[in-house]
PDB file of N, CA and C in Angstrom:
ATOM      1  N   MET A   1       0.443  -1.241  -0.206  1.00  0.00           N
ATOM      2  CA  MET A   1      -0.378   0.442   0.045  1.00  0.00           C
ATOM      3  C   MET A   1       1.007   1.291  -0.025  1.00  0.00           C
ATOM      4  N   VAL A   2       0.909   2.633  -0.631  1.00  0.00           N
ATOM      5  CA  VAL A   2       0.866   3.646  -0.639  1.00  0.00           C
ATOM      6  C   VAL A   2       1.047   4.728   0.098  1.00  0.00           C
ATOM      7  N   ASP A   3       1.953   5.071   1.001  1.00  0.00           N
ATOM      8  CA  ASP A   3       1.422   5.829   2.230  1.00  0.00           C
ATOM      9  C   ASP A   3       0.548   7.507   1.378  1.00  0.00           C
ATOM     10  N   PRO A   4      -0.400   7.888   0.991  1.00  0.00           N
ATOM     11  CA  PRO A   4      -1.105   8.917   1.245  1.00  0.00           C
ATOM     12  C   PRO A   4      -0.561   9.898   1.213  1.00  0.00           C
ATOM     13  N   LYS A   5       0.410  10.360   2.527  1.00  0.00           N
ATOM     14  CA  LYS A   5       1.473  11.469   2.111  1.00  0.00           C
ATOM     15  C   LYS A   5       2.286  11.554   1.234  1.00  0.00           C
ATOM     16  N   ARG A   6       2.611  10.946   0.640  1.00  0.00           N
ATOM     17  CA  ARG A   6       3.367  10.127  -0.146  1.00  0.00           C
ATOM     18  C   ARG A   6       3.311  10.111  -1.885  1.00  0.00           C
ATOM     19  N   VAL A   7       2.181  10.946  -2.346  1.00  0.00           N
ATOM     20  CA  VAL A   7       1.336  10.708  -3.362  1.00  0.00           C
ATOM     21  C   VAL A   7       0.980  12.310  -3.646  1.00  0.00           C
ATOM     22  N   LEU A   8       0.939  12.249  -4.820  1.00  0.00           N
ATOM     23  CA  LEU A   8       0.965  13.299  -5.304  1.00  0.00           C
ATOM     24  C   LEU A   8      -0.320  13.471  -5.870  1.00  0.00           C
ATOM     25  N   SER A   9      -1.556  14.411  -6.602  1.00  0.00           N
ATOM     26  CA  SER A   9      -2.632  14.754  -6.965  1.00  0.00           C
ATOM     27  C   SER A   9      -2.387  15.191  -8.360  1.00  0.00           C
ATOM     28  N   TYR A  10      -3.422  15.128  -9.629  1.00  0.00           N
ATOM     29  CA  TYR A  10      -2.866  16.263 -10.855  1.00  0.00           C
ATOM     30  C   TYR A  10      -2.891  17.419 -10.035  1.00  0.00           C
ATOM     31  N   GLU A  11      -3.399  17.882  -9.722  1.00  0.00           N
ATOM     32  CA  GLU A  11      -3.271  18.956  -8.811  1.00  0.00           C
ATOM     33  C   GLU A  11      -1.709  19.810  -8.114  1.00  0.00           C
ATOM     34  N   ASP A  12      -2.021  18.963  -7.922  1.00  0.00           N
ATOM     35  CA  ASP A  12       0.287  18.916  -6.830  1.00  0.00           C
ATOM     36  C   ASP A  12       1.524  19.073  -8.007  1.00  0.00           C
ATOM     37  N   MET A  13       0.932  17.957  -9.535  1.00  0.00           N
ATOM     38  CA  MET A  13       1.578  18.161 -10.084  1.00  0.00           C
ATOM     39  C   MET A  13       1.702  19.774 -11.263  1.00  0.00           C
ATOM     40  N   LEU A  14       0.312  20.045 -11.136  1.00  0.00           N
ATOM     41  CA  LEU A  14       0.468  21.646 -11.951  1.00  0.00           C
ATOM     42  C   LEU A  14       1.394  22.631 -10.956  1.00  0.00           C
ATOM     43  N   LYS A  15       1.539  22.583  -9.923  1.00  0.00           N
ATOM     44  CA  LYS A  15       2.115  23.638  -9.136  1.00  0.00           C
ATOM     45  C   LYS A  15       3.910  22.579  -9.217  1.00  0.00           C
ATOM     46  N   LEU A  16       3.359  21.819  -8.944  1.00  0.00           N
ATOM     47  CA  LEU A  16       4.952  21.425  -9.066  1.00  0.00           C
ATOM     48  C   LEU A  16       6.407  21.633 -11.126  1.00  0.00           C
ATOM     49  N   ILE A  17       5.195  21.412 -11.778  1.00  0.00           N
ATOM     50  CA  ILE A  17       5.864  21.588 -13.025  1.00  0.00           C
ATOM     51  C   ILE A  17       6.436  23.551 -13.198  1.00  0.00           C
ATOM     52  N   HIS A  18       5.874  24.033 -12.371  1.00  0.00           N
ATOM     53  CA  HIS A  18       6.491  26.046 -12.366  1.00  0.00           C
ATOM     54  C   HIS A  18       7.383  25.698 -11.129  1.00  0.00           C
ATOM     55  N   GLN A  19       7.595  24.792 -10.523  1.00  0.00           N
ATOM     56  CA  GLN A  19       8.848  25.188  -9.135  1.00  0.00           C
ATOM     57  C   GLN A  19      10.675  24.006  -9.280  1.00  0.00           C
ATOM     58  N   PRO A  20      11.282  24.745 -10.164  1.00  0.00           N
ATOM     59  CA  PRO A  20      12.662  24.743 -10.487  1.00  0.00           C
ATOM     60  C   PRO A  20      13.589  23.979  -9.644  1.00  0.00           C
ATOM     61  N   GLU A  21      12.513  24.400  -8.123  1.00  0.00           N
ATOM     62  CA  GLU A  21      13.522  23.239  -7.154  1.00  0.00           C
ATOM     63  C   GLU A  21      13.079  22.406  -6.841  1.00  0.00           C
ATOM     64  N   LYS A  22      12.339  21.678  -7.836  1.00  0.00           N
ATOM     65  CA  LYS A  22      11.701  20.481  -7.613  1.00  0.00           C
ATOM     66  C   LYS A  22      12.032  19.765  -8.904  1.00  0.00           C
ATOM     67  N   VAL A  23      12.072  17.846  -8.665  1.00  0.00           N
ATOM     68  CA  VAL A  23      12.760  17.197  -9.589  1.00  0.00           C
ATOM     69  C   VAL A  23      11.854  16.360  -9.803  1.00  0.00           C
ATOM     70  N   ILE A  24      11.121  16.244 -10.810  1.00  0.00           N
ATOM     71  CA  ILE A  24      10.405  15.593 -11.841  1.00  0.00           C
ATOM     72  C   ILE A  24      10.122  14.747 -12.793  1.00  0.00           C
ATOM     73  N   ILE A  25      10.692  13.349 -12.204  1.00  0.00           N
ATOM     74  CA  ILE A  25      11.589  12.236 -13.203  1.00  0.00           C
ATOM     75  C   ILE A  25       9.797  11.060 -13.490  1.00  0.00           C
ATOM     76  N   ASP A  26      10.300  10.945 -15.163  1.00  0.00           N
ATOM     77  CA  ASP A  26       9.253  10.096 -15.332  1.00  0.00           C
ATOM     78  C   ASP A  26       9.763   8.644 -15.116  1.00  0.00           C
ATOM     79  N   VAL A  27       9.116   8.100 -15.199  1.00  0.00           N
ATOM     80  CA  VAL A  27       9.934   6.684 -15.174  1.00  0.00           C
ATOM     81  C   VAL A  27       9.584   5.593 -16.714  1.00  0.00           C
ATOM     82  N   ARG A  28       8.379   6.294 -17.366  1.00  0.00           N
ATOM     83  CA  ARG A  28       8.815   5.753 -18.322  1.00  0.00           C
ATOM     84  C   ARG A  28       9.410   4.911 -19.130  1.00  0.00           C
ATOM     85  N   ASN A  29       9.128   4.093 -20.002  1.00  0.00           N
ATOM     86  CA  ASN A  29      10.797   3.058 -21.014  1.00  0.00           C
ATOM     87  C   ASN A  29      10.536   4.668 -22.682  1.00  0.00           C
ATOM     88  N   PRO A  30      11.528   5.033 -22.950  1.00  0.00           N
ATOM     89  CA  PRO A  30      11.409   6.072 -24.178  1.00  0.00           C
ATOM     90  C   PRO A  30      10.752   5.384 -25.689  1.00  0.00           C
ATOM     91  N   ASP A  31      10.287   4.179 -25.164  1.00  0.00           N
ATOM     92  CA  ASP A  31       9.018   3.883 -26.166  1.00  0.00           C
ATOM     93  C   ASP A  31       7.445   4.812 -26.431  1.00  0.00           C
ATOM     94  N   GLU A  32       7.453   4.851 -24.514  1.00  0.00           N
ATOM     95  CA  GLU A  32       6.302   5.432 -24.138  1.00  0.00           C
ATOM     96  C   GLU A  32       6.105   6.288 -24.665  1.00  0.00           C
ATOM     97  N   VAL A  33       7.378   7.474 -23.747  1.00  0.00           N
ATOM     98  CA  VAL A  33       7.345   9.103 -24.137  1.00  0.00           C
ATOM     99  C   VAL A  33       7.257   9.408 -25.559  1.00  0.00           C
ATOM    100  N   THR A  34       7.668   8.708 -26.461  1.00  0.00           N
ATOM    101  CA  THR A  34       7.581   8.853 -27.773  1.00  0.00           C
ATOM    102  C   THR A  34       6.216   9.027 -28.445  1.00  0.00           C
ATOM    103  N   SER A  35       5.524   7.419 -28.101  1.00  0.00           N
ATOM    104  CA  SER A  35       4.261   7.583 -28.428  1.00  0.00           C
ATOM    105  C   SER A  35       3.467   8.709 -27.767  1.00  0.00           C
ATOM    106  N   THR A  36       3.624   8.713 -27.090  1.00  0.00           N
ATOM    107  CA  THR A  36       2.173   9.588 -25.816  1.00  0.00           C
ATOM    108  C   THR A  36       2.474  11.132 -25.495  1.00  0.00           C
ATOM    109  N   GLY A  37       3.970  11.278 -25.475  1.00  0.00           N
ATOM    110  CA  GLY A  37       4.127  12.645 -25.381  1.00  0.00           C
ATOM    111  C   GLY A  37       4.696  12.525 -23.348  1.00  0.00           C
ATOM    112  N   LYS A  38       4.935  13.601 -23.448  1.00  0.00           N
ATOM    113  CA  LYS A  38       5.294  13.872 -21.550  1.00  0.00           C
ATOM    114  C   LYS A  38       4.874  15.388 -21.375  1.00  0.00           C
ATOM    115  N   ILE A  39       5.129  14.960 -19.659  1.00  0.00           N
ATOM    116  CA  ILE A  39       4.634  16.255 -18.988  1.00  0.00           C
ATOM    117  C   ILE A  39       5.955  17.372 -18.736  1.00  0.00           C
ATOM    118  N   PRO A  40       5.391  18.285 -19.527  1.00  0.00           N
ATOM    119  CA  PRO A  40       6.787  19.558 -19.109  1.00  0.00           C
ATOM    120  C   PRO A  40       7.739  19.440 -17.901  1.00  0.00           C
ATOM    121  N   SER A  41       9.049  20.105 -18.298  1.00  0.00           N
ATOM    122  CA  SER A  41      10.199  19.309 -17.664  1.00  0.00           C
ATOM    123  C   SER A  41      10.630  18.076 -17.392  1.00  0.00           C
ATOM    124  N   MET A  42       9.831  17.543 -17.554  1.00  0.00           N
ATOM    125  CA  MET A  42      11.043  15.957 -17.868  1.00  0.00           C
ATOM    126  C   MET A  42      11.668  15.353 -18.221  1.00  0.00           C
ATOM    127  N   GLY A  43      12.970  15.274 -17.170  1.00  0.00           N
ATOM    128  CA  GLY A  43      13.971  14.205 -18.298  1.00  0.00           C
ATOM    129  C   GLY A  43      13.713  13.037 -18.629  1.00  0.00           C
ATOM    130  N   HIS A  44      15.186  12.431 -19.032  1.00  0.00           N
ATOM    131  CA  HIS A  44      14.872  10.924 -19.307  1.00  0.00           C
ATOM    132  C   HIS A  44      15.998  10.277 -17.854  1.00  0.00           C
ATOM    133  N   VAL A  45      14.618   8.932 -17.227  1.00  0.00           N
ATOM    134  CA  VAL A  45      15.822   8.798 -15.810  1.00  0.00           C
ATOM    135  C   VAL A  45      17.273   8.130 -16.211  1.00  0.00           C
ATOM    136  N   GLN A  46      17.238   7.035 -16.819  1.00  0.00           N
ATOM    137  CA  GLN A  46      18.230   6.396 -17.072  1.00  0.00           C
ATOM    138  C   GLN A  46      19.782   7.735 -17.553  1.00  0.00           C
ATOM    139  N   ASP A  47      19.400   7.949 -18.570  1.00  0.00           N
ATOM    140  CA  ASP A  47      19.963   8.930 -19.171  1.00  0.00           C
ATOM    141  C   ASP A  47      20.693  10.175 -18.030  1.00  0.00           C
ATOM    142  N   VAL A  48      19.770  10.935 -17.869  1.00  0.00           N
ATOM    143  CA  VAL A  48      20.046  11.537 -15.991  1.00  0.00           C
ATOM    144  C   VAL A  48      20.343  11.289 -15.171  1.00  0.00           C
ATOM    145  N   LEU A  49      19.544  10.493 -13.900  1.00  0.00           N
ATOM    146  CA  LEU A  49      20.285  10.115 -13.555  1.00  0.00           C
ATOM    147  C   LEU A  49      21.110   8.766 -13.107  1.00  0.00           C
ATOM    148  N   VAL A  50      21.464   8.472 -13.757  1.00  0.00           N
ATOM    149  CA  VAL A  50      21.939   6.976 -13.929  1.00  0.00           C
ATOM    150  C   VAL A  50      23.560   6.682 -14.441  1.00  0.00           C
ATOM    151  N   SER A  51      23.135   7.675 -15.972  1.00  0.00           N
ATOM    152  CA  SER A  51      24.862   8.187 -16.552  1.00  0.00           C
ATOM    153  C   SER A  51      25.842   8.878 -16.179  1.00  0.00           C
ATOM    154  N   MET A  52      24.507  10.469 -15.856  1.00  0.00           N
ATOM    155  CA  MET A  52      25.010  11.382 -16.286  1.00  0.00           C
ATOM    156  C   MET A  52      25.877  11.680 -14.736  1.00  0.00           C
ATOM    157  N   SER A  53      26.790  12.373 -14.965  1.00  0.00           N
ATOM    158  CA  SER A  53      28.091  12.757 -13.711  1.00  0.00           C
ATOM    159  C   SER A  53      27.399  13.325 -12.850  1.00  0.00           C
ATOM    160  N   ASP A  54      27.966  13.869 -11.443  1.00  0.00           N
ATOM    161  CA  ASP A  54      27.435  15.080 -10.708  1.00  0.00           C
ATOM    162  C   ASP A  54      27.508  16.711 -10.855  1.00  0.00           C
ATOM    163  N   ALA A  55      28.720  16.981 -11.818  1.00  0.00           N
ATOM    164  CA  ALA A  55      29.286  17.497 -12.501  1.00  0.00           C
ATOM    165  C   ALA A  55      28.520  18.151 -13.791  1.00  0.00           C
ATOM    166  N   ASP A  56      28.043  17.365 -14.786  1.00  0.00           N
ATOM    167  CA  ASP A  56      27.349  17.196 -15.912  1.00  0.00           C
ATOM    168  C   ASP A  56      25.649  17.793 -15.625  1.00  0.00           C
ATOM    169  N   PHE A  57      25.410  17.085 -15.174  1.00  0.00           N
ATOM    170  CA  PHE A  57      24.404  17.307 -14.800  1.00  0.00           C
ATOM    171  C   PHE A  57      24.047  18.606 -14.254  1.00  0.00           C
ATOM    172  N   LYS A  58      24.479  18.958 -13.386  1.00  0.00           N
ATOM    173  CA  LYS A  58      24.323  20.047 -12.994  1.00  0.00           C
ATOM    174  C   LYS A  58      25.300  21.305 -13.930  1.00  0.00           C
ATOM    175  N   LYS A  59      26.048  21.239 -14.999  1.00  0.00           N
ATOM    176  CA  LYS A  59      26.265  22.821 -15.667  1.00  0.00           C
ATOM    177  C   LYS A  59      24.818  22.073 -16.793  1.00  0.00           C
ATOM    178  N   GLN A  60      24.402  21.400 -16.989  1.00  0.00           N
ATOM    179  CA  GLN A  60      22.934  21.237 -17.946  1.00  0.00           C
ATOM    180  C   GLN A  60      21.736  22.009 -16.973  1.00  0.00           C
ATOM    181  N   TYR A  61      21.772  21.417 -15.488  1.00  0.00           N
ATOM    182  CA  TYR A  61      19.906  22.056 -14.648  1.00  0.00           C
ATOM    183  C   TYR A  61      20.383  23.315 -14.240  1.00  0.00           C
ATOM    184  N   GLN A  62      21.635  23.074 -14.185  1.00  0.00           N
ATOM    185  CA  GLN A  62      21.756  24.467 -12.828  1.00  0.00           C
ATOM    186  C   GLN A  62      21.567  23.920 -11.768  1.00  0.00           C
ATOM    187  N   ARG A  63      21.494  22.548 -11.484  1.00  0.00           N
ATOM    188  CA  ARG A  63      21.420  22.196 -10.264  1.00  0.00           C
ATOM    189  C   ARG A  63      22.474  21.118  -9.381  1.00  0.00           C
ATOM    190  N   GLU A  64      21.784  20.818  -8.188  1.00  0.00           N
ATOM    191  CA  GLU A  64      22.674  19.703  -7.933  1.00  0.00           C
ATOM    192  C   GLU A  64      21.766  18.734  -8.198  1.00  0.00           C
ATOM    193  N   LYS A  65      22.250  16.571  -8.540  1.00  0.00           N
ATOM    194  CA  LYS A  65      21.878  15.871  -8.796  1.00  0.00           C
ATOM    195  C   LYS A  65      21.201  15.985  -7.758  1.00  0.00           C
ATOM    196  N   PRO A  66      19.996  15.032  -8.270  1.00  0.00           N
ATOM    197  CA  PRO A  66      19.037  14.170  -6.827  1.00  0.00           C
ATOM    198  C   PRO A  66      20.258  13.115  -6.597  1.00  0.00           C
ATOM    199  N   SER A  67      20.287  13.024  -5.455  1.00  0.00           N
ATOM    200  CA  SER A  67      20.771  11.864  -4.693  1.00  0.00           C
ATOM    201  C   SER A  67      18.734  10.967  -4.367  1.00  0.00           C
ATOM    202  N   SER A  68      19.907   9.541  -4.040  1.00  0.00           N
ATOM    203  CA  SER A  68      18.442   8.382  -3.444  1.00  0.00           C
ATOM    204  C   SER A  68      18.260   8.807  -2.550  1.00  0.00           C
ATOM    205  N   SER A  69      18.065   9.085  -1.518  1.00  0.00           N
ATOM    206  CA  SER A  69      17.403   9.382  -0.300  1.00  0.00           C
ATOM    207  C   SER A  69      16.717  10.723   0.136  1.00  0.00           C
ATOM    208  N   ASP A  70      17.181  11.355  -1.119  1.00  0.00           N
ATOM    209  CA  ASP A  70      16.120  13.101  -1.904  1.00  0.00           C
ATOM    210  C   ASP A  70      14.403  12.678  -1.088  1.00  0.00           C
ATOM    211  N   GLU A  71      13.890  13.700  -0.726  1.00  0.00           N
ATOM    212  CA  GLU A  71      12.372  12.729  -0.385  1.00  0.00           C
ATOM    213  C   GLU A  71      12.039  12.363  -1.664  1.00  0.00           C
ATOM    214  N   SER A  72      11.555  11.323  -2.417  1.00  0.00           N
ATOM    215  CA  SER A  72       9.987  11.376  -3.563  1.00  0.00           C
ATOM    216  C   SER A  72       8.970  11.448  -3.208  1.00  0.00           C
ATOM    217  N   LYS A  73       8.191  11.264  -3.758  1.00  0.00           N
ATOM    218  CA  LYS A  73       6.841  11.063  -3.988  1.00  0.00           C
ATOM    219  C   LYS A  73       6.058  10.027  -5.291  1.00  0.00           C
ATOM    220  N   THR A  74       5.156   9.733  -5.385  1.00  0.00           N
ATOM    221  CA  THR A  74       4.961   9.424  -6.782  1.00  0.00           C
ATOM    222  C   THR A  74       2.901   9.700  -7.529  1.00  0.00           C
ATOM    223  N   TYR A  75       3.435   9.950  -8.341  1.00  0.00           N
ATOM    224  CA  TYR A  75       2.630  10.925  -9.303  1.00  0.00           C
ATOM    225  C   TYR A  75       1.157   9.322  -9.538  1.00  0.00           C
ATOM    226  N   LEU A  76      -0.035   8.967  -8.908  1.00  0.00           N
ATOM    227  CA  LEU A  76      -0.096   7.858  -8.883  1.00  0.00           C
ATOM    228  C   LEU A  76      -1.069   8.046 -10.667  1.00  0.00           C
ATOM    229  N   GLY A  77      -2.138   8.973 -10.724  1.00  0.00           N
ATOM    230  CA  GLY A  77      -2.448   8.996 -12.104  1.00  0.00           C
ATOM    231  C   GLY A  77      -1.497   8.516 -13.361  1.00  0.00           C
ATOM    232  N   SER A  78      -0.651   8.739 -13.296  1.00  0.00           N
ATOM    233  CA  SER A  78       0.557   9.041 -14.175  1.00  0.00           C
ATOM    234  C   SER A  78      -0.092   9.262 -15.347  1.00  0.00           C
ATOM    235  N   TRP A  79       0.235   9.072 -16.442  1.00  0.00           N
ATOM    236  CA  TRP A  79       0.247   9.700 -18.031  1.00  0.00           C
ATOM    237  C   TRP A  79      -0.727  10.367 -18.192  1.00  0.00           C
ATOM    238  N   ASN A  80      -1.771   8.789 -18.274  1.00  0.00           N
ATOM    239  CA  ASN A  80      -3.491   8.775 -18.528  1.00  0.00           C
ATOM    240  C   ASN A  80      -3.958   9.990 -18.247  1.00  0.00           C
ATOM    241  N   ASP A  81      -4.390  10.226 -16.673  1.00  0.00           N
ATOM    242  CA  ASP A  81      -4.450  10.977 -16.038  1.00  0.00           C
ATOM    243  C   ASP A  81      -4.876  13.044 -16.016  1.00  0.00           C
ATOM    244  N   TRP A  82      -3.015  12.481 -16.229  1.00  0.00           N
ATOM    245  CA  TRP A  82      -2.457  13.413 -17.002  1.00  0.00           C
ATOM    246  C   TRP A  82      -2.473  14.062 -18.586  1.00  0.00           C
ATOM    247  N   SER A  83      -2.383  13.341 -19.615  1.00  0.00           N
ATOM    248  CA  SER A  83      -2.989  13.726 -20.727  1.00  0.00           C
ATOM    249  C   SER A  83      -4.845  13.500 -20.996  1.00  0.00           C
ATOM    250  N   ASN A  84      -5.282  13.409 -20.262  1.00  0.00           N
ATOM    251  CA  ASN A  84      -6.289  13.212 -20.022  1.00  0.00           C
ATOM    252  C   ASN A  84      -7.731  14.356 -18.852  1.00  0.00           C
ATOM    253  N   ARG A  85      -6.663  15.418 -18.290  1.00  0.00           N
ATOM    254  CA  ARG A  85      -6.757  16.620 -17.987  1.00  0.00           C
ATOM    255  C   ARG A  85      -6.400  17.640 -18.476  1.00  0.00           C
ATOM    256  N   GLN A  86      -5.345  17.890 -19.265  1.00  0.00           N
ATOM    257  CA  GLN A  86      -5.013  18.336 -20.372  1.00  0.00           C
ATOM    258  C   GLN A  86      -5.544  18.868 -22.130  1.00  0.00           C
ATOM    259  N   LYS A  87      -6.808  17.683 -21.804  1.00  0.00           N
ATOM    260  CA  LYS A  87      -7.643  17.959 -23.457  1.00  0.00           C
ATOM    261  C   LYS A  87      -8.406  20.083 -23.041  1.00  0.00           C
TER     262      LYS A  87
END
């Protein structure tokens, strides 16, 4: 069961995309993103968080690279909820 304190709503996501200090990560695979689109300001998890060095991350995004110990929450509505509400 998901802890309700760690869940984001669509309204929460609308606020977050305008907060540059927050990092939003799309965990879908690249084929899914290509076929359906993406929520603004999201990058590719594999390329950015796993392969990119801390220095390269900071150079590209002008912020510190998130660590695995940073706070994380889940948008349970996922892409389906986002795309349906954006129409």
